[in-house]
Amino acid sequence: MKKIKPLTREQILISLDRLTRFKEPEKRYMRVFGEIITANLIEPKYKKLDIENLDYSFVTDLASEIINYSLRALGLVLKEDYSINQQILDYEKTIFHLTKRQEVFLQNKINYAAAVELIDDDAVFNLRWLKSLATQKCCAENRASNLYPVEKVLLVEGITEEILLPAFAKLLGYNFKQNGVFVISAGGKNQVVKYFYRFTQCLKIPIFVLLDSDANENYAQIKPRLREGDFVHVISKGEFEDILPKSLVKKTINYETEYISTGDTTSLENSSSTVEFLEEFFRKRGLHEFKKSEFAQFVRENISGAEDVSPEIKNIITSILSIDSGQLA
């Protein structure tokens, strides 16, 4: 006889969040289900290594049983409605290449129809998407507030692009969330290549890759694996900060140093590297250490008109928009 320690409401929501994130399904489900079983199944007891050697269907059924037991413990009434489960399966199959073995995870009997009652309206976007499935209005009607369904991936090197490209696109009338554009910051050009290789193996949707100008070798690694529908843009000069309008960078400096004498910014116009200029500027002025992510957030706050979007950034966004969001072979 099984002895189960029920998950708390918070633990259920965390599990639902992790199960519906944009990550490869096999790794995602195996990790979440495994942690639920090891932490909440008291008898019989399974260790992590035990679970890794179990049949996927057994792991799926066991984790589903624990989650449903926990829902009942919270006073929720389980429903004979698994339409949400089917919608999730259908959605994941449009995004990922799944083997029959991997599909077993998505053929679970988690009682989502009851679980969505725990989700607040201000929850993270993927949980809002999950809740929207209960009313079967997950597509156009919910795009304004939910990213899902994902239709294309924008793979970039750093945090600056991740923060600013959605803001520039919105100014140009193109909302990434409403159009299913999922932005991933890889953390460097070499990592972009690793992500791209992995994604082309598991994803059915297009990938737009943005690389700095010094990444020609990385582009050469990516090029042979480009599928029809994928696209690579190599920045014309320098890195993303270098294609920001100089006027926007100056405006941001003035904004960030509002109560401090800013000093001379005229040398920015002739600087070969915006980042190097900013690092030196902040150092000489005795300001805090220059951080790309922090500065990008300030830049975002100062984007106000079309003059703040450079021609190359407009070209990048237009190219993202033009990618066919249909399934790839």
C-alpha atoms as a PDB file:
ATOM      1  CA  MET A   1       0.000   0.000   0.000  1.00  0.00           C
ATOM      2  CA  LYS A   2       1.308   3.442  -0.931  1.00  0.00           C
ATOM      3  CA  LYS A   3       1.954   6.119   1.658  1.00  0.00           C
ATOM      4  CA  ILE A   4       1.988   9.613   0.176  1.00  0.00           C
ATOM      5  CA  LYS A   5       2.924  12.978   1.641  1.00  0.00           C
ATOM      6  CA  PRO A   6       0.740  15.460  -0.282  1.00  0.00           C
ATOM      7  CA  LEU A   7       2.299  18.388  -2.057  1.00  0.00           C
ATOM      8  CA  THR A   8       1.343  21.808  -0.739  1.00  0.00           C
ATOM      9  CA  ARG A   9      -0.506  24.282  -2.955  1.00  0.00           C
ATOM     10  CA  GLU A  10       2.763  26.116  -3.574  1.00  0.00           C
ATOM     11  CA  GLN A  11       4.572  22.881  -4.479  1.00  0.00           C
ATOM     12  CA  ILE A  12       1.827  21.926  -6.939  1.00  0.00           C
ATOM     13  CA  LEU A  13       2.047  25.326  -8.629  1.00  0.00           C
ATOM     14  CA  ILE A  14       5.837  25.073  -8.828  1.00  0.00           C
ATOM     15  CA  SER A  15       5.496  21.621 -10.401  1.00  0.00           C
ATOM     16  CA  LEU A  16       2.908  22.837 -12.927  1.00  0.00           C
ATOM     17  CA  ASP A  17       5.145  25.789 -13.771  1.00  0.00           C
ATOM     18  CA  ARG A  18       8.151  23.551 -14.387  1.00  0.00           C
ATOM     19  CA  LEU A  19       6.118  21.039 -16.402  1.00  0.00           C
ATOM     20  CA  THR A  20       4.896  23.731 -18.806  1.00  0.00           C
ATOM     21  CA  ARG A  21       8.126  25.628 -19.404  1.00  0.00           C
ATOM     22  CA  PHE A  22       9.676  25.788 -22.863  1.00  0.00           C
ATOM     23  CA  LYS A  23      12.241  23.010 -22.468  1.00  0.00           C
ATOM     24  CA  GLU A  24      12.756  19.571 -23.978  1.00  0.00           C
ATOM     25  CA  PRO A  25       9.855  17.435 -22.671  1.00  0.00           C
ATOM     26  CA  GLU A  26      11.807  14.302 -21.793  1.00  0.00           C
ATOM     27  CA  LYS A  27      14.271  16.068 -19.510  1.00  0.00           C
ATOM     28  CA  ARG A  28      11.557  18.335 -18.106  1.00  0.00           C
ATOM     29  CA  TYR A  29       9.072  15.616 -17.189  1.00  0.00           C
ATOM     30  CA  MET A  30      11.637  13.107 -15.955  1.00  0.00           C
ATOM     31  CA  ARG A  31      13.165  15.655 -13.589  1.00  0.00           C
ATOM     32  CA  VAL A  32       9.875  16.978 -12.183  1.00  0.00           C
ATOM     33  CA  PHE A  33       8.204  13.578 -11.887  1.00  0.00           C
ATOM     34  CA  GLY A  34      11.357  12.097 -10.354  1.00  0.00           C
ATOM     35  CA  GLU A  35      11.572  14.806  -7.699  1.00  0.00           C
ATOM     36  CA  ILE A  36       7.890  14.419  -6.828  1.00  0.00           C
ATOM     37  CA  ILE A  37       8.274  10.668  -6.382  1.00  0.00           C
ATOM     38  CA  THR A  38      11.450  10.842  -4.280  1.00  0.00           C
ATOM     39  CA  ALA A  39      10.128  13.644  -2.059  1.00  0.00           C
ATOM     40  CA  ASN A  40       6.455  12.749  -1.656  1.00  0.00           C
ATOM     41  CA  LEU A  41       6.176   8.976  -1.917  1.00  0.00           C
ATOM     42  CA  ILE A  42       6.955   7.704   1.569  1.00  0.00           C
ATOM     43  CA  GLU A  43       6.210   4.026   0.907  1.00  0.00           C
ATOM     44  CA  PRO A  44       7.437   2.353  -1.195  1.00  0.00           C
ATOM     45  CA  LYS A  45      10.559   4.500  -1.251  1.00  0.00           C
ATOM     46  CA  TYR A  46      12.419   5.191  -4.492  1.00  0.00           C
ATOM     47  CA  LYS A  47      15.801   6.817  -4.903  1.00  0.00           C
ATOM     48  CA  LYS A  48      16.770   8.960  -7.884  1.00  0.00           C
ATOM     49  CA  LEU A  49      18.796   6.143  -9.431  1.00  0.00           C
ATOM     50  CA  ASP A  50      15.828   3.776  -9.062  1.00  0.00           C
ATOM     51  CA  ILE A  51      13.558   6.161 -10.961  1.00  0.00           C
ATOM     52  CA  GLU A  52      16.054   6.591 -13.803  1.00  0.00           C
ATOM     53  CA  ASN A  53      15.810   2.846 -14.422  1.00  0.00           C
ATOM     54  CA  LEU A  54      12.011   2.623 -14.277  1.00  0.00           C
ATOM     55  CA  ASP A  55       9.697   2.467 -17.270  1.00  0.00           C
ATOM     56  CA  TYR A  56       8.459   5.913 -18.316  1.00  0.00           C
ATOM     57  CA  SER A  57       4.805   4.862 -18.082  1.00  0.00           C
ATOM     58  CA  PHE A  58       5.298   3.682 -14.479  1.00  0.00           C
ATOM     59  CA  VAL A  59       7.004   6.954 -13.517  1.00  0.00           C
ATOM     60  CA  THR A  60       4.235   8.951 -15.211  1.00  0.00           C
ATOM     61  CA  ASP A  61       1.409   7.036 -13.530  1.00  0.00           C
ATOM     62  CA  LEU A  62       3.052   7.267 -10.120  1.00  0.00           C
ATOM     63  CA  ALA A  63       3.710  10.997 -10.333  1.00  0.00           C
ATOM     64  CA  SER A  64       0.168  11.618 -11.612  1.00  0.00           C
ATOM     65  CA  GLU A  65      -1.245   9.649  -8.683  1.00  0.00           C
ATOM     66  CA  ILE A  66       0.764  11.713  -6.178  1.00  0.00           C
ATOM     67  CA  ILE A  67      -0.304  15.024  -7.757  1.00  0.00           C
ATOM     68  CA  ASN A  68      -3.976  14.010  -7.868  1.00  0.00           C
ATOM     69  CA  TYR A  69      -3.824  12.759  -4.268  1.00  0.00           C
ATOM     70  CA  SER A  70      -2.417  16.170  -3.314  1.00  0.00           C
ATOM     71  CA  LEU A  71      -5.199  17.985  -5.160  1.00  0.00           C
ATOM     72  CA  ARG A  72      -7.817  16.000  -3.229  1.00  0.00           C
ATOM     73  CA  ALA A  73      -5.980  16.754   0.013  1.00  0.00           C
ATOM     74  CA  LEU A  74      -6.429  20.461  -0.760  1.00  0.00           C
ATOM     75  CA  GLY A  75     -10.183  19.917  -1.048  1.00  0.00           C
ATOM     76  CA  LEU A  76     -10.392  20.023  -4.840  1.00  0.00           C
ATOM     77  CA  VAL A  77     -12.816  17.741  -6.635  1.00  0.00           C
ATOM     78  CA  LEU A  78     -11.155  15.705  -9.398  1.00  0.00           C
ATOM     79  CA  LYS A  79     -12.975  15.761 -12.726  1.00  0.00           C
ATOM     80  CA  GLU A  80     -13.416  13.188 -15.458  1.00  0.00           C
ATOM     81  CA  ASP A  81     -12.107  15.695 -17.967  1.00  0.00           C
ATOM     82  CA  TYR A  82      -8.697  15.241 -19.569  1.00  0.00           C
ATOM     83  CA  SER A  83      -9.169  17.650 -22.455  1.00  0.00           C
ATOM     84  CA  ILE A  84      -6.410  19.905 -21.086  1.00  0.00           C
ATOM     85  CA  ASN A  85      -3.996  16.967 -21.096  1.00  0.00           C
ATOM     86  CA  GLN A  86      -4.842  16.304 -24.737  1.00  0.00           C
ATOM     87  CA  GLN A  87      -4.349  19.962 -25.660  1.00  0.00           C
ATOM     88  CA  ILE A  88      -0.937  19.978 -23.978  1.00  0.00           C
ATOM     89  CA  LEU A  89       0.034  16.793 -25.839  1.00  0.00           C
ATOM     90  CA  ASP A  90      -1.148  18.234 -29.164  1.00  0.00           C
ATOM     91  CA  TYR A  91       0.704  21.487 -28.529  1.00  0.00           C
ATOM     92  CA  GLU A  92       3.977  19.832 -27.516  1.00  0.00           C
ATOM     93  CA  LYS A  93       3.827  17.620 -30.623  1.00  0.00           C
ATOM     94  CA  THR A  94       3.621  20.718 -32.833  1.00  0.00           C
ATOM     95  CA  ILE A  95       6.743  22.186 -31.184  1.00  0.00           C
ATOM     96  CA  PHE A  96       8.985  19.200 -30.464  1.00  0.00           C
ATOM     97  CA  HIS A  97      10.072  16.045 -32.237  1.00  0.00           C
ATOM     98  CA  LEU A  98       8.875  13.361 -29.816  1.00  0.00           C
ATOM     99  CA  THR A  99       9.458   9.638 -29.812  1.00  0.00           C
ATOM    100  CA  LYS A 100       6.644   7.317 -28.759  1.00  0.00           C
ATOM    101  CA  ARG A 101       8.549   6.670 -25.549  1.00  0.00           C
ATOM    102  CA  GLN A 102       8.751  10.396 -24.768  1.00  0.00           C
ATOM    103  CA  GLU A 103       5.061  10.880 -25.534  1.00  0.00           C
ATOM    104  CA  VAL A 104       4.257   8.656 -22.568  1.00  0.00           C
ATOM    105  CA  PHE A 105       5.076  11.559 -20.235  1.00  0.00           C
ATOM    106  CA  LEU A 106       2.509  13.728 -22.020  1.00  0.00           C
ATOM    107  CA  GLN A 107      -0.135  11.011 -21.868  1.00  0.00           C
ATOM    108  CA  ASN A 108      -0.329  11.459 -18.111  1.00  0.00           C
ATOM    109  CA  LYS A 109      -3.517  11.586 -16.049  1.00  0.00           C
ATOM    110  CA  ILE A 110      -2.738  14.684 -14.011  1.00  0.00           C
ATOM    111  CA  ASN A 111      -6.120  16.211 -13.223  1.00  0.00           C
ATOM    112  CA  TYR A 112      -5.380  19.589 -14.759  1.00  0.00           C
ATOM    113  CA  ALA A 113      -9.097  20.399 -14.842  1.00  0.00           C
ATOM    114  CA  ALA A 114      -8.975  20.572 -11.040  1.00  0.00           C
ATOM    115  CA  ALA A 115      -5.411  21.875 -10.712  1.00  0.00           C
ATOM    116  CA  VAL A 116      -6.040  25.046 -12.733  1.00  0.00           C
ATOM    117  CA  GLU A 117      -8.375  26.220  -9.954  1.00  0.00           C
ATOM    118  CA  LEU A 118      -5.209  26.903  -7.931  1.00  0.00           C
ATOM    119  CA  ILE A 119      -3.786  29.299 -10.547  1.00  0.00           C
ATOM    120  CA  ASP A 120      -4.244  33.022  -9.934  1.00  0.00           C
ATOM    121  CA  ASP A 121      -4.814  35.504 -12.748  1.00  0.00           C
ATOM    122  CA  ASP A 122      -1.445  37.152 -12.059  1.00  0.00           C
ATOM    123  CA  ALA A 123       0.542  33.897 -12.227  1.00  0.00           C
ATOM    124  CA  VAL A 124       3.559  33.451 -14.518  1.00  0.00           C
ATOM    125  CA  PHE A 125       2.697  33.387 -18.231  1.00  0.00           C
ATOM    126  CA  ASN A 126       2.887  29.636 -18.768  1.00  0.00           C
ATOM    127  CA  LEU A 127       0.521  28.996 -15.846  1.00  0.00           C
ATOM    128  CA  ARG A 128      -1.894  31.581 -17.258  1.00  0.00           C
ATOM    129  CA  TRP A 129      -1.666  29.711 -20.550  1.00  0.00           C
ATOM    130  CA  LEU A 130      -2.396  26.435 -18.755  1.00  0.00           C
ATOM    131  CA  LYS A 131      -5.427  27.975 -17.070  1.00  0.00           C
ATOM    132  CA  SER A 132      -6.654  29.325 -20.394  1.00  0.00           C
ATOM    133  CA  LEU A 133      -6.801  25.778 -21.752  1.00  0.00           C
ATOM    134  CA  ALA A 134      -9.669  25.096 -19.360  1.00  0.00           C
ATOM    135  CA  THR A 135     -11.837  27.420 -21.444  1.00  0.00           C
ATOM    136  CA  GLN A 136     -10.237  26.314 -24.729  1.00  0.00           C
ATOM    137  CA  LYS A 137      -9.361  29.908 -25.567  1.00  0.00           C
ATOM    138  CA  CYS A 138      -5.610  29.449 -25.594  1.00  0.00           C
ATOM    139  CA  CYS A 139      -4.797  30.946 -28.954  1.00  0.00           C
ATOM    140  CA  ALA A 140      -5.610  34.427 -30.285  1.00  0.00           C
ATOM    141  CA  GLU A 141      -7.813  35.501 -27.373  1.00  0.00           C
ATOM    142  CA  ASN A 142      -5.057  34.946 -24.833  1.00  0.00           C
ATOM    143  CA  ARG A 143      -2.025  36.097 -26.803  1.00  0.00           C
ATOM    144  CA  ALA A 144      -2.188  39.571 -25.283  1.00  0.00           C
ATOM    145  CA  SER A 145      -1.166  38.251 -21.872  1.00  0.00           C
ATOM    146  CA  ASN A 146       0.395  34.870 -22.626  1.00  0.00           C
ATOM    147  CA  LEU A 147       3.441  34.038 -24.673  1.00  0.00           C
ATOM    148  CA  TYR A 148       2.200  30.592 -25.604  1.00  0.00           C
ATOM    149  CA  PRO A 149       1.806  28.991 -27.984  1.00  0.00           C
ATOM    150  CA  VAL A 150       5.453  29.442 -29.006  1.00  0.00           C
ATOM    151  CA  GLU A 151       5.857  29.716 -32.777  1.00  0.00           C
ATOM    152  CA  LYS A 152       9.516  30.677 -33.248  1.00  0.00           C
ATOM    153  CA  VAL A 153      12.687  30.927 -31.165  1.00  0.00           C
ATOM    154  CA  LEU A 154      14.963  33.972 -31.090  1.00  0.00           C
ATOM    155  CA  LEU A 155      18.407  32.815 -29.970  1.00  0.00           C
ATOM    156  CA  VAL A 156      20.753  35.631 -28.919  1.00  0.00           C
ATOM    157  CA  GLU A 157      24.184  35.876 -27.318  1.00  0.00           C
ATOM    158  CA  GLY A 158      23.487  38.099 -24.335  1.00  0.00           C
ATOM    159  CA  ILE A 159      21.102  39.707 -21.886  1.00  0.00           C
ATOM    160  CA  THR A 160      21.098  43.084 -23.683  1.00  0.00           C
ATOM    161  CA  GLU A 161      19.394  41.613 -26.755  1.00  0.00           C
ATOM    162  CA  GLU A 162      16.972  39.643 -24.587  1.00  0.00           C
ATOM    163  CA  ILE A 163      15.890  42.794 -22.757  1.00  0.00           C
ATOM    164  CA  LEU A 164      15.847  45.282 -25.639  1.00  0.00           C
ATOM    165  CA  LEU A 165      14.651  43.449 -28.748  1.00  0.00           C
ATOM    166  CA  PRO A 166      11.097  42.903 -27.391  1.00  0.00           C
ATOM    167  CA  ALA A 167      10.971  46.596 -26.423  1.00  0.00           C
ATOM    168  CA  PHE A 168      12.146  47.802 -29.844  1.00  0.00           C
ATOM    169  CA  ALA A 169       9.730  45.405 -31.544  1.00  0.00           C
ATOM    170  CA  LYS A 170       6.823  46.667 -29.464  1.00  0.00           C
ATOM    171  CA  LEU A 171       7.621  50.249 -30.460  1.00  0.00           C
ATOM    172  CA  LEU A 172       7.436  49.140 -34.092  1.00  0.00           C
ATOM    173  CA  GLY A 173       4.050  47.520 -33.516  1.00  0.00           C
ATOM    174  CA  TYR A 174       5.251  43.927 -33.238  1.00  0.00           C
ATOM    175  CA  ASN A 175       4.547  42.255 -29.888  1.00  0.00           C
ATOM    176  CA  PHE A 176       6.771  39.224 -29.295  1.00  0.00           C
ATOM    177  CA  LYS A 177       4.366  37.676 -26.784  1.00  0.00           C
ATOM    178  CA  GLN A 178       1.341  38.031 -29.046  1.00  0.00           C
ATOM    179  CA  ASN A 179       3.281  36.497 -31.921  1.00  0.00           C
ATOM    180  CA  GLY A 180       4.777  33.574 -30.005  1.00  0.00           C
ATOM    181  CA  VAL A 181       8.418  34.699 -30.199  1.00  0.00           C
ATOM    182  CA  PHE A 182      10.413  33.051 -27.402  1.00  0.00           C
ATOM    183  CA  VAL A 183      13.730  34.832 -26.662  1.00  0.00           C
ATOM    184  CA  ILE A 184      16.632  32.831 -25.262  1.00  0.00           C
ATOM    185  CA  SER A 185      19.895  34.418 -24.109  1.00  0.00           C
ATOM    186  CA  ALA A 186      22.556  31.749 -24.530  1.00  0.00           C
ATOM    187  CA  GLY A 187      25.337  33.497 -22.634  1.00  0.00           C
ATOM    188  CA  GLY A 188      27.925  33.810 -25.374  1.00  0.00           C
ATOM    189  CA  LYS A 189      28.539  32.915 -29.008  1.00  0.00           C
ATOM    190  CA  ASN A 190      29.865  29.429 -28.274  1.00  0.00           C
ATOM    191  CA  GLN A 191      26.790  28.674 -26.222  1.00  0.00           C
ATOM    192  CA  VAL A 192      24.604  29.880 -29.103  1.00  0.00           C
ATOM    193  CA  VAL A 193      26.079  27.120 -31.265  1.00  0.00           C
ATOM    194  CA  LYS A 194      25.391  24.493 -28.575  1.00  0.00           C
ATOM    195  CA  TYR A 195      21.811  25.674 -28.151  1.00  0.00           C
ATOM    196  CA  PHE A 196      21.255  25.732 -31.897  1.00  0.00           C
ATOM    197  CA  TYR A 197      22.571  22.194 -32.386  1.00  0.00           C
ATOM    198  CA  ARG A 198      20.321  20.918 -29.614  1.00  0.00           C
ATOM    199  CA  PHE A 199      17.264  22.823 -30.778  1.00  0.00           C
ATOM    200  CA  THR A 200      17.506  21.673 -34.383  1.00  0.00           C
ATOM    201  CA  GLN A 201      17.360  18.109 -33.109  1.00  0.00           C
ATOM    202  CA  CYS A 202      14.266  18.548 -30.948  1.00  0.00           C
ATOM    203  CA  LEU A 203      12.323  21.552 -32.307  1.00  0.00           C
ATOM    204  CA  LYS A 204       9.913  21.695 -35.215  1.00  0.00           C
ATOM    205  CA  ILE A 205       9.622  25.492 -35.201  1.00  0.00           C
ATOM    206  CA  PRO A 206      11.947  28.099 -36.807  1.00  0.00           C
ATOM    207  CA  ILE A 207      15.005  29.493 -35.036  1.00  0.00           C
ATOM    208  CA  PHE A 208      16.311  33.033 -35.616  1.00  0.00           C
ATOM    209  CA  VAL A 209      19.944  33.393 -34.507  1.00  0.00           C
ATOM    210  CA  LEU A 210      21.525  36.771 -33.759  1.00  0.00           C
ATOM    211  CA  LEU A 211      25.334  36.893 -33.541  1.00  0.00           C
ATOM    212  CA  ASP A 212      27.888  39.622 -32.896  1.00  0.00           C
ATOM    213  CA  SER A 213      30.202  40.596 -35.741  1.00  0.00           C
ATOM    214  CA  ASP A 214      33.120  38.603 -34.295  1.00  0.00           C
ATOM    215  CA  ALA A 215      31.170  35.342 -34.485  1.00  0.00           C
ATOM    216  CA  ASN A 216      31.905  34.384 -38.099  1.00  0.00           C
ATOM    217  CA  GLU A 217      33.504  31.125 -37.002  1.00  0.00           C
ATOM    218  CA  ASN A 218      30.392  30.306 -34.982  1.00  0.00           C
ATOM    219  CA  TYR A 219      28.193  31.153 -37.937  1.00  0.00           C
ATOM    220  CA  ALA A 220      30.244  28.748 -40.036  1.00  0.00           C
ATOM    221  CA  GLN A 221      29.484  26.038 -37.453  1.00  0.00           C
ATOM    222  CA  ILE A 222      25.775  26.816 -37.546  1.00  0.00           C
ATOM    223  CA  LYS A 223      25.363  27.214 -41.316  1.00  0.00           C
ATOM    224  CA  PRO A 224      25.532  23.518 -42.305  1.00  0.00           C
ATOM    225  CA  ARG A 225      22.756  22.709 -39.839  1.00  0.00           C
ATOM    226  CA  LEU A 226      20.374  25.479 -40.848  1.00  0.00           C
ATOM    227  CA  ARG A 227      16.976  24.090 -41.768  1.00  0.00           C
ATOM    228  CA  GLU A 228      14.682  25.699 -44.290  1.00  0.00           C
ATOM    229  CA  GLY A 229      12.971  28.394 -42.259  1.00  0.00           C
ATOM    230  CA  ASP A 230      15.868  29.098 -39.872  1.00  0.00           C
ATOM    231  CA  PHE A 231      17.734  32.401 -40.192  1.00  0.00           C
ATOM    232  CA  VAL A 232      21.011  33.918 -38.964  1.00  0.00           C
ATOM    233  CA  HIS A 233      21.780  37.630 -38.690  1.00  0.00           C
ATOM    234  CA  VAL A 234      25.376  38.631 -37.974  1.00  0.00           C
ATOM    235  CA  ILE A 235      25.597  42.180 -36.630  1.00  0.00           C
ATOM    236  CA  SER A 236      27.405  44.433 -39.097  1.00  0.00           C
ATOM    237  CA  LYS A 237      29.880  45.880 -36.603  1.00  0.00           C
ATOM    238  CA  GLY A 238      30.724  45.047 -33.021  1.00  0.00           C
ATOM    239  CA  GLU A 239      28.050  43.796 -30.645  1.00  0.00           C
ATOM    240  CA  PHE A 240      24.415  44.674 -30.050  1.00  0.00           C
ATOM    241  CA  GLU A 241      25.241  47.768 -27.989  1.00  0.00           C
ATOM    242  CA  ASP A 242      27.126  49.114 -31.024  1.00  0.00           C
ATOM    243  CA  ILE A 243      23.988  49.207 -33.176  1.00  0.00           C
ATOM    244  CA  LEU A 244      22.023  51.194 -30.615  1.00  0.00           C
ATOM    245  CA  PRO A 245      21.573  54.826 -31.729  1.00  0.00           C
ATOM    246  CA  LYS A 246      24.220  56.968 -30.041  1.00  0.00           C
ATOM    247  CA  SER A 247      21.495  59.455 -29.119  1.00  0.00           C
ATOM    248  CA  LEU A 248      19.680  56.722 -27.180  1.00  0.00           C
ATOM    249  CA  VAL A 249      22.862  55.744 -25.349  1.00  0.00           C
ATOM    250  CA  LYS A 250      23.508  59.393 -24.404  1.00  0.00           C
ATOM    251  CA  LYS A 251      19.909  59.821 -23.288  1.00  0.00           C
ATOM    252  CA  THR A 252      20.271  56.748 -21.104  1.00  0.00           C
ATOM    253  CA  ILE A 253      23.530  58.012 -19.578  1.00  0.00           C
ATOM    254  CA  ASN A 254      21.812  61.295 -18.704  1.00  0.00           C
ATOM    255  CA  TYR A 255      18.879  59.393 -17.238  1.00  0.00           C
ATOM    256  CA  GLU A 256      21.045  57.086 -15.135  1.00  0.00           C
ATOM    257  CA  THR A 257      23.271  59.913 -13.876  1.00  0.00           C
ATOM    258  CA  GLU A 258      20.478  62.442 -13.418  1.00  0.00           C
ATOM    259  CA  TYR A 259      21.816  63.823 -10.139  1.00  0.00           C
ATOM    260  CA  ILE A 260      25.493  63.536 -11.058  1.00  0.00           C
ATOM    261  CA  SER A 261      27.597  65.664 -13.376  1.00  0.00           C
ATOM    262  CA  THR A 262      27.777  63.380 -16.398  1.00  0.00           C
ATOM    263  CA  GLY A 263      30.915  64.690 -18.027  1.00  0.00           C
ATOM    264  CA  ASP A 264      31.739  64.705 -21.706  1.00  0.00           C
ATOM    265  CA  THR A 265      29.986  62.098 -23.875  1.00  0.00           C
ATOM    266  CA  THR A 266      31.073  63.491 -27.260  1.00  0.00           C
ATOM    267  CA  SER A 267      33.772  60.825 -27.642  1.00  0.00           C
ATOM    268  CA  LEU A 268      31.008  58.226 -27.832  1.00  0.00           C
ATOM    269  CA  GLU A 269      30.401  59.169 -31.458  1.00  0.00           C
ATOM    270  CA  ASN A 270      33.905  58.093 -32.463  1.00  0.00           C
ATOM    271  CA  SER A 271      34.214  55.150 -30.111  1.00  0.00           C
ATOM    272  CA  SER A 272      34.689  51.774 -31.806  1.00  0.00           C
ATOM    273  CA  SER A 273      33.004  49.998 -28.911  1.00  0.00           C
ATOM    274  CA  THR A 274      30.010  51.339 -27.005  1.00  0.00           C
ATOM    275  CA  VAL A 275      30.582  48.889 -24.159  1.00  0.00           C
ATOM    276  CA  GLU A 276      34.237  49.883 -23.780  1.00  0.00           C
ATOM    277  CA  PHE A 277      33.228  53.552 -23.774  1.00  0.00           C
ATOM    278  CA  LEU A 278      30.619  52.927 -21.084  1.00  0.00           C
ATOM    279  CA  GLU A 279      32.990  50.881 -18.925  1.00  0.00           C
ATOM    280  CA  GLU A 280      35.578  53.671 -19.083  1.00  0.00           C
ATOM    281  CA  PHE A 281      32.972  56.407 -18.592  1.00  0.00           C
ATOM    282  CA  PHE A 282      31.557  54.795 -15.461  1.00  0.00           C
ATOM    283  CA  ARG A 283      35.040  54.097 -14.083  1.00  0.00           C
ATOM    284  CA  LYS A 284      36.307  57.638 -14.584  1.00  0.00           C
ATOM    285  CA  ARG A 285      33.192  59.185 -13.096  1.00  0.00           C
ATOM    286  CA  GLY A 286      33.540  57.058  -9.978  1.00  0.00           C
ATOM    287  CA  LEU A 287      30.144  55.487 -10.615  1.00  0.00           C
ATOM    288  CA  HIS A 288      29.144  51.906  -9.964  1.00  0.00           C
ATOM    289  CA  GLU A 289      30.602  49.150 -12.114  1.00  0.00           C
ATOM    290  CA  PHE A 290      29.065  49.094 -15.588  1.00  0.00           C
ATOM    291  CA  LYS A 291      26.738  46.106 -15.992  1.00  0.00           C
ATOM    292  CA  LYS A 292      25.157  45.250 -19.319  1.00  0.00           C
ATOM    293  CA  SER A 293      21.889  43.958 -17.889  1.00  0.00           C
ATOM    294  CA  GLU A 294      21.362  47.003 -15.692  1.00  0.00           C
ATOM    295  CA  PHE A 295      22.193  49.442 -18.457  1.00  0.00           C
ATOM    296  CA  ALA A 296      19.898  47.597 -20.880  1.00  0.00           C
ATOM    297  CA  GLN A 297      17.027  48.031 -18.453  1.00  0.00           C
ATOM    298  CA  PHE A 298      17.722  51.772 -18.328  1.00  0.00           C
ATOM    299  CA  VAL A 299      17.879  51.870 -22.129  1.00  0.00           C
ATOM    300  CA  ARG A 300      14.495  50.152 -22.275  1.00  0.00           C
ATOM    301  CA  GLU A 301      13.012  52.816 -20.025  1.00  0.00           C
ATOM    302  CA  ASN A 302      14.308  55.520 -22.381  1.00  0.00           C
ATOM    303  CA  ILE A 303      13.004  54.080 -25.657  1.00  0.00           C
ATOM    304  CA  SER A 304      10.299  56.514 -26.703  1.00  0.00           C
ATOM    305  CA  GLY A 305      10.144  57.005 -30.475  1.00  0.00           C
ATOM    306  CA  ALA A 306      11.140  55.679 -33.871  1.00  0.00           C
ATOM    307  CA  GLU A 307      14.393  57.640 -33.729  1.00  0.00           C
ATOM    308  CA  ASP A 308      15.479  55.295 -30.915  1.00  0.00           C
ATOM    309  CA  VAL A 309      15.475  52.293 -33.259  1.00  0.00           C
ATOM    310  CA  SER A 310      18.476  52.062 -35.577  1.00  0.00           C
ATOM    311  CA  PRO A 311      18.078  50.836 -39.188  1.00  0.00           C
ATOM    312  CA  GLU A 312      19.868  47.576 -38.386  1.00  0.00           C
ATOM    313  CA  ILE A 313      17.632  46.861 -35.398  1.00  0.00           C
ATOM    314  CA  LYS A 314      14.588  47.538 -37.581  1.00  0.00           C
ATOM    315  CA  ASN A 315      16.014  45.101 -40.133  1.00  0.00           C
ATOM    316  CA  ILE A 316      16.512  42.429 -37.468  1.00  0.00           C
ATOM    317  CA  ILE A 317      12.943  42.767 -36.223  1.00  0.00           C
ATOM    318  CA  THR A 318      11.549  42.764 -39.762  1.00  0.00           C
ATOM    319  CA  SER A 319      13.473  39.564 -40.460  1.00  0.00           C
ATOM    320  CA  ILE A 320      12.101  37.932 -37.311  1.00  0.00           C
ATOM    321  CA  LEU A 321       8.591  38.928 -38.382  1.00  0.00           C
ATOM    322  CA  SER A 322       9.092  37.536 -41.873  1.00  0.00           C
ATOM    323  CA  ILE A 323      10.084  34.036 -40.719  1.00  0.00           C
ATOM    324  CA  ASP A 324       7.340  31.544 -41.465  1.00  0.00           C
ATOM    325  CA  SER A 325       6.082  30.256 -38.116  1.00  0.00           C
ATOM    326  CA  GLY A 326       4.846  26.969 -39.568  1.00  0.00           C
ATOM    327  CA  GLN A 327       6.284  23.591 -38.630  1.00  0.00           C
ATOM    328  CA  LEU A 328       9.593  22.560 -40.121  1.00  0.00           C
ATOM    329  CA  ALA A 329      10.307  19.073 -41.350  1.00  0.00           C
END
